[in-house]
Protein backbone atom coordinates (compact mmCIF):
# COMPACT_ATOMS: atom_id res chain seq x y z
CA MET A 1 128.21 -200.17 170.25
CA THR A 2 130.42 -200.97 173.24
CA SER A 3 133.46 -199.14 174.58
CA SER A 4 136.68 -201.15 174.49
CA ALA A 5 137.58 -199.60 177.88
CA LEU A 6 134.61 -201.05 179.79
CA PRO A 7 134.81 -204.84 179.38
CA GLY A 8 136.08 -206.69 182.42
CA ARG A 9 135.28 -206.88 186.11
CA TRP A 10 134.99 -203.78 188.28
CA ASN A 11 134.87 -204.08 192.10
CA ILE A 12 132.65 -201.69 194.04
CA VAL A 13 134.45 -198.95 195.98
CA SER A 14 131.59 -196.65 197.00
CA TRP A 15 127.94 -195.79 196.38
CA GLU A 16 126.48 -192.41 197.30
CA GLN A 17 123.12 -190.81 196.69
CA ARG A 18 123.31 -187.00 196.63
CA TYR A 19 119.82 -185.62 197.15
CA ASP A 20 118.74 -182.26 195.78
CA ASP A 21 118.03 -181.11 199.35
CA GLY A 22 121.72 -181.59 200.28
CA ARG A 23 121.55 -184.99 201.96
CA ILE A 24 124.22 -187.54 201.10
CA VAL A 25 123.24 -191.14 201.80
CA GLU A 26 125.10 -194.42 201.40
CA PRO A 27 122.06 -196.65 200.76
CA MET A 28 123.79 -199.85 201.86
CA GLY A 29 126.40 -198.30 204.13
CA SER A 30 130.10 -197.83 203.54
CA GLU A 31 131.06 -201.51 203.75
CA LEU A 32 130.15 -202.99 200.37
CA ASP A 33 130.91 -206.10 198.35
CA GLY A 34 130.12 -206.59 194.72
CA TYR A 35 131.12 -206.10 191.17
CA LEU A 36 130.07 -204.83 187.77
CA MET A 37 130.86 -206.93 184.70
CA TYR A 38 130.92 -205.79 181.10
CA THR A 39 131.62 -208.31 178.33
CA GLU A 40 133.03 -207.64 174.90
CA ALA A 41 129.87 -209.28 173.50
CA GLY A 42 127.75 -206.42 174.90
CA TYR A 43 126.36 -207.91 178.11
CA MET A 44 126.54 -206.48 181.61
CA SER A 45 125.63 -207.55 185.12
CA VAL A 46 125.93 -205.92 188.50
CA PHE A 47 125.71 -207.31 192.02
CA ILE A 48 126.17 -205.10 195.09
CA CYS A 49 125.51 -206.05 198.70
CA THR A 50 126.22 -204.89 202.20
CA ARG A 51 129.28 -206.64 203.60
CA GLY A 52 128.54 -209.02 206.50
CA ARG A 53 124.90 -209.78 205.71
CA LYS A 54 123.15 -211.98 208.28
CA PRO A 55 122.37 -215.56 207.20
CA PHE A 56 118.86 -216.98 207.62
CA ALA A 57 118.52 -218.71 210.98
CA SER A 58 117.01 -221.82 209.36
CA GLY A 59 119.95 -222.19 206.99
CA LEU A 60 117.48 -222.91 204.18
CA GLN A 61 117.67 -220.90 200.96
CA PHE A 62 113.91 -220.28 200.83
CA GLY A 63 113.25 -220.82 204.53
CA GLY A 64 113.85 -217.34 205.89
CA THR A 65 111.27 -215.46 207.90
CA GLY A 66 109.53 -212.50 206.28
CA GLN A 67 111.81 -210.18 208.23
CA GLU A 68 114.95 -212.07 207.11
CA LYS A 69 113.81 -211.97 203.47
CA ALA A 70 113.08 -208.24 203.66
CA ALA A 71 116.51 -207.58 205.19
CA ALA A 72 118.14 -209.66 202.45
CA TYR A 73 116.31 -207.67 199.74
CA ASP A 74 117.25 -204.35 201.39
CA THR A 75 120.95 -205.22 201.30
CA VAL A 76 121.30 -206.24 197.63
CA LEU A 77 121.07 -204.59 194.23
CA SER A 78 121.37 -206.85 191.20
CA TYR A 79 120.44 -206.67 187.53
CA GLY A 80 121.77 -207.56 184.10
CA GLY A 81 121.20 -207.42 180.37
CA ARG A 82 122.72 -205.91 177.26
CA TYR A 83 124.56 -202.60 177.24
CA GLU A 84 125.61 -200.00 174.72
CA VAL A 85 127.82 -196.93 174.91
CA GLN A 86 126.84 -193.56 173.48
CA GLY A 87 129.62 -191.04 174.09
CA ASP A 88 130.06 -190.66 177.86
CA THR A 89 126.85 -192.57 178.56
CA VAL A 90 126.32 -196.29 179.00
CA LEU A 91 122.82 -197.65 178.55
CA HIS A 92 121.92 -200.77 180.53
CA HIS A 93 119.04 -202.61 178.81
CA VAL A 94 117.68 -204.48 181.83
CA GLU A 95 116.57 -208.07 181.14
CA VAL A 96 116.64 -209.43 184.72
CA SER A 97 116.57 -207.57 188.03
CA LEU A 98 116.00 -208.10 191.72
CA PHE A 99 113.84 -204.94 191.47
CA PRO A 100 111.15 -206.11 189.03
CA ASN A 101 110.19 -202.58 187.97
CA TRP A 102 113.49 -202.23 186.05
CA VAL A 103 112.91 -205.27 183.80
CA GLY A 104 112.41 -204.07 180.22
CA GLN A 105 113.68 -200.58 181.05
CA VAL A 106 116.88 -198.80 180.08
CA GLN A 107 119.03 -197.53 182.92
CA LYS A 108 121.04 -194.55 181.64
CA ARG A 109 124.42 -193.93 183.32
CA ARG A 110 127.08 -191.29 182.66
CA TYR A 111 130.56 -192.68 183.12
CA THR A 112 134.11 -191.43 183.48
CA LEU A 113 137.32 -193.44 183.48
CA GLU A 114 140.43 -192.32 185.34
CA GLY A 115 143.14 -194.98 185.34
CA ASP A 116 141.72 -198.07 187.05
CA ARG A 117 138.68 -196.17 188.40
CA LEU A 118 135.26 -196.07 186.80
CA SER A 119 132.65 -193.61 188.06
CA VAL A 120 129.06 -194.23 187.03
CA ALA A 121 126.36 -191.63 187.75
CA ALA A 122 122.63 -191.30 187.21
CA SER A 123 119.83 -188.87 187.93
CA LEU A 124 116.93 -190.61 189.66
CA GLU A 125 113.36 -189.65 190.50
CA ALA A 126 113.60 -186.10 189.10
CA GLY A 127 110.75 -183.82 190.09
CA THR A 128 110.02 -185.70 193.33
CA PRO A 129 111.15 -185.14 196.93
CA GLU A 130 113.50 -188.13 196.36
CA SER A 131 115.29 -186.50 193.38
CA ARG A 132 118.99 -187.30 193.56
CA GLN A 133 122.28 -187.96 191.80
CA VAL A 134 123.59 -191.47 192.33
CA VAL A 135 127.35 -191.99 192.05
CA LEU A 136 129.03 -195.39 192.14
CA VAL A 137 132.81 -195.74 192.03
CA TRP A 138 134.41 -198.97 190.83
CA LYS A 139 138.01 -200.19 190.64
CA ARG A 140 139.13 -202.47 187.83
CA ALA A 141 139.78 -205.96 189.17
CA PRO A 142 143.10 -207.54 188.31
CA VAL A 143 142.93 -210.13 185.55
CA PRO A 144 143.32 -213.56 187.17
CA ALA A 145 146.26 -215.70 186.13
CA VAL A 146 145.30 -218.64 183.94
């Protein structure tokens, strides 16, 4: 089941991680690019990156140094698959992901809609020193003229 309010493109506004010990961290900084897409057919994809990422010096897609590749990985989050809505929760059934550990898993997110703003939250790594609440805020993108 999908929610008729979710389909469309949502542009990233902010991403915070609120740790149980009181820390608040913006994992990719405050300058972000990216979007979240939900389709009426029940598919989703997300791509978030740090704004102003450095290009590889070689200019080759697969020709970066190990350090350049690590920096590129550390400044991107991307995954996609099917989704379903259960009340105030959206379940992302991950089929592809930059982080291979998520493939085949379900990422559970609580969501709230207020006008053109979508807030998506999750509890991560409960019971560990890295236990935290993750909150991403998105703004609905205008529908392009055809």
